[in-house]
Amino acid sequence: MLKCWKDIPGCHQFVRDKWTALQIDGWGGFVLKEKFKLISRIDSLKARFSALEGKGEDEDLSEAELEELHRISSDIHSL
């Protein structure tokens, strides 16, 4: 986490709330591993979303790319 985020009021509580909202059952190590996998999945989806958005600014996206963009958006929100 960037140091500057500490200056934002409520940031610590927001992160804590989001972390506990990830509901995974199992023993502690398994839960931690699965939460990190979810965070990694969100990060990779956001990177692909950003790449498609950048491409869309330069040229028209194909139908498949538009569908992928919408799917990625819904996947991010479902996680």
C-alpha atoms as a PDB file:
ATOM      1  CA  MET A   1       0.000   0.000   0.000  1.00  0.00           C
ATOM      2  CA  LEU A   2       1.290   3.434  -0.852  1.00  0.00           C
ATOM      3  CA  LYS A   3       2.204   5.607   2.094  1.00  0.00           C
ATOM      4  CA  CYS A   4       0.007   8.445   0.785  1.00  0.00           C
ATOM      5  CA  TRP A   5      -3.116   6.325   1.332  1.00  0.00           C
ATOM      6  CA  LYS A   6      -2.596   6.614   5.090  1.00  0.00           C
ATOM      7  CA  ASP A   7      -3.482  10.313   4.780  1.00  0.00           C
ATOM      8  CA  ILE A   8      -6.944   9.539   3.369  1.00  0.00           C
ATOM      9  CA  PRO A   9      -9.517   9.471   6.179  1.00  0.00           C
ATOM     10  CA  GLY A  10     -11.214   6.088   6.475  1.00  0.00           C
ATOM     11  CA  CYS A  11      -8.802   4.263   4.155  1.00  0.00           C
ATOM     12  CA  HIS A  12      -7.627   1.817   6.812  1.00  0.00           C
ATOM     13  CA  GLN A  13     -11.197   0.919   7.763  1.00  0.00           C
ATOM     14  CA  PHE A  14     -12.182   0.577   4.080  1.00  0.00           C
ATOM     15  CA  VAL A  15      -9.362  -1.906   3.423  1.00  0.00           C
ATOM     16  CA  ARG A  16     -10.202  -3.810   6.602  1.00  0.00           C
ATOM     17  CA  ASP A  17     -13.898  -4.000   5.636  1.00  0.00           C
ATOM     18  CA  LYS A  18     -13.141  -5.202   2.099  1.00  0.00           C
ATOM     19  CA  TRP A  19     -10.660  -7.792   3.391  1.00  0.00           C
ATOM     20  CA  THR A  20     -13.171  -9.254   5.847  1.00  0.00           C
ATOM     21  CA  ALA A  21     -15.945  -9.152   3.223  1.00  0.00           C
ATOM     22  CA  LEU A  22     -14.104 -11.793   1.182  1.00  0.00           C
ATOM     23  CA  GLN A  23     -15.891 -14.852   2.579  1.00  0.00           C
ATOM     24  CA  ILE A  24     -13.810 -18.012   2.282  1.00  0.00           C
ATOM     25  CA  ASP A  25     -14.169 -21.044   4.549  1.00  0.00           C
ATOM     26  CA  GLY A  26     -11.300 -23.187   5.754  1.00  0.00           C
ATOM     27  CA  TRP A  27      -8.257 -23.054   7.958  1.00  0.00           C
ATOM     28  CA  GLY A  28      -6.284 -19.800   8.274  1.00  0.00           C
ATOM     29  CA  GLY A  29      -3.536 -20.527   5.752  1.00  0.00           C
ATOM     30  CA  PHE A  30      -6.006 -21.654   3.112  1.00  0.00           C
ATOM     31  CA  VAL A  31      -8.198 -18.573   3.606  1.00  0.00           C
ATOM     32  CA  LEU A  32      -5.173 -16.270   3.284  1.00  0.00           C
ATOM     33  CA  LYS A  33      -3.993 -18.036   0.119  1.00  0.00           C
ATOM     34  CA  GLU A  34      -7.438 -17.840  -1.476  1.00  0.00           C
ATOM     35  CA  LYS A  35      -7.822 -14.149  -0.613  1.00  0.00           C
ATOM     36  CA  PHE A  36      -4.470 -13.413  -2.232  1.00  0.00           C
ATOM     37  CA  LYS A  37      -5.564 -15.388  -5.309  1.00  0.00           C
ATOM     38  CA  LEU A  38      -8.734 -13.279  -5.539  1.00  0.00           C
ATOM     39  CA  ILE A  39      -6.715 -10.069  -5.261  1.00  0.00           C
ATOM     40  CA  SER A  40      -4.343 -11.329  -7.956  1.00  0.00           C
ATOM     41  CA  ARG A  41      -7.295 -12.236 -10.202  1.00  0.00           C
ATOM     42  CA  ILE A  42      -8.804  -8.765  -9.770  1.00  0.00           C
ATOM     43  CA  ASP A  43      -5.437  -7.195 -10.578  1.00  0.00           C
ATOM     44  CA  SER A  44      -5.025  -9.214 -13.786  1.00  0.00           C
ATOM     45  CA  LEU A  45      -8.604  -8.429 -14.863  1.00  0.00           C
ATOM     46  CA  LYS A  46      -8.024  -4.723 -14.275  1.00  0.00           C
ATOM     47  CA  ALA A  47      -4.814  -4.844 -16.334  1.00  0.00           C
ATOM     48  CA  ARG A  48      -6.607  -6.534 -19.251  1.00  0.00           C
ATOM     49  CA  PHE A  49      -9.522  -4.083 -18.938  1.00  0.00           C
ATOM     50  CA  SER A  50      -7.094  -1.164 -19.062  1.00  0.00           C
ATOM     51  CA  ALA A  51      -5.342  -2.614 -22.117  1.00  0.00           C
ATOM     52  CA  LEU A  52      -8.637  -3.005 -23.965  1.00  0.00           C
ATOM     53  CA  GLU A  53      -9.733   0.507 -23.000  1.00  0.00           C
ATOM     54  CA  GLY A  54      -6.432   1.901 -24.282  1.00  0.00           C
ATOM     55  CA  LYS A  55      -6.799   0.025 -27.533  1.00  0.00           C
ATOM     56  CA  GLY A  56     -10.375   1.298 -27.818  1.00  0.00           C
ATOM     57  CA  GLU A  57      -9.144   4.888 -27.585  1.00  0.00           C
ATOM     58  CA  ASP A  58      -6.822   4.349 -30.556  1.00  0.00           C
ATOM     59  CA  GLU A  59      -9.034   2.205 -32.771  1.00  0.00           C
ATOM     60  CA  ASP A  60     -12.403   0.483 -32.876  1.00  0.00           C
ATOM     61  CA  LEU A  61     -12.649  -2.729 -30.891  1.00  0.00           C
ATOM     62  CA  SER A  62     -13.920  -5.903 -32.519  1.00  0.00           C
ATOM     63  CA  GLU A  63     -17.141  -7.527 -31.334  1.00  0.00           C
ATOM     64  CA  ALA A  64     -15.141 -10.171 -29.472  1.00  0.00           C
ATOM     65  CA  GLU A  65     -13.083  -7.493 -27.717  1.00  0.00           C
ATOM     66  CA  LEU A  66     -16.223  -5.572 -26.742  1.00  0.00           C
ATOM     67  CA  GLU A  67     -17.747  -8.738 -25.318  1.00  0.00           C
ATOM     68  CA  GLU A  68     -14.523  -9.435 -23.426  1.00  0.00           C
ATOM     69  CA  LEU A  69     -14.537  -5.872 -22.055  1.00  0.00           C
ATOM     70  CA  HIS A  70     -18.093  -6.310 -20.755  1.00  0.00           C
ATOM     71  CA  ARG A  71     -17.313  -9.760 -19.340  1.00  0.00           C
ATOM     72  CA  ILE A  72     -14.230  -8.445 -17.546  1.00  0.00           C
ATOM     73  CA  SER A  73     -16.227  -5.593 -16.077  1.00  0.00           C
ATOM     74  CA  SER A  74     -18.881  -7.941 -14.716  1.00  0.00           C
ATOM     75  CA  ASP A  75     -16.210 -10.371 -13.436  1.00  0.00           C
ATOM     76  CA  ILE A  76     -14.502  -7.584 -11.489  1.00  0.00           C
ATOM     77  CA  HIS A  77     -17.782  -6.503  -9.914  1.00  0.00           C
ATOM     78  CA  SER A  78     -18.746 -10.075  -9.041  1.00  0.00           C
ATOM     79  CA  LEU A  79     -15.502 -10.590  -7.125  1.00  0.00           C
END
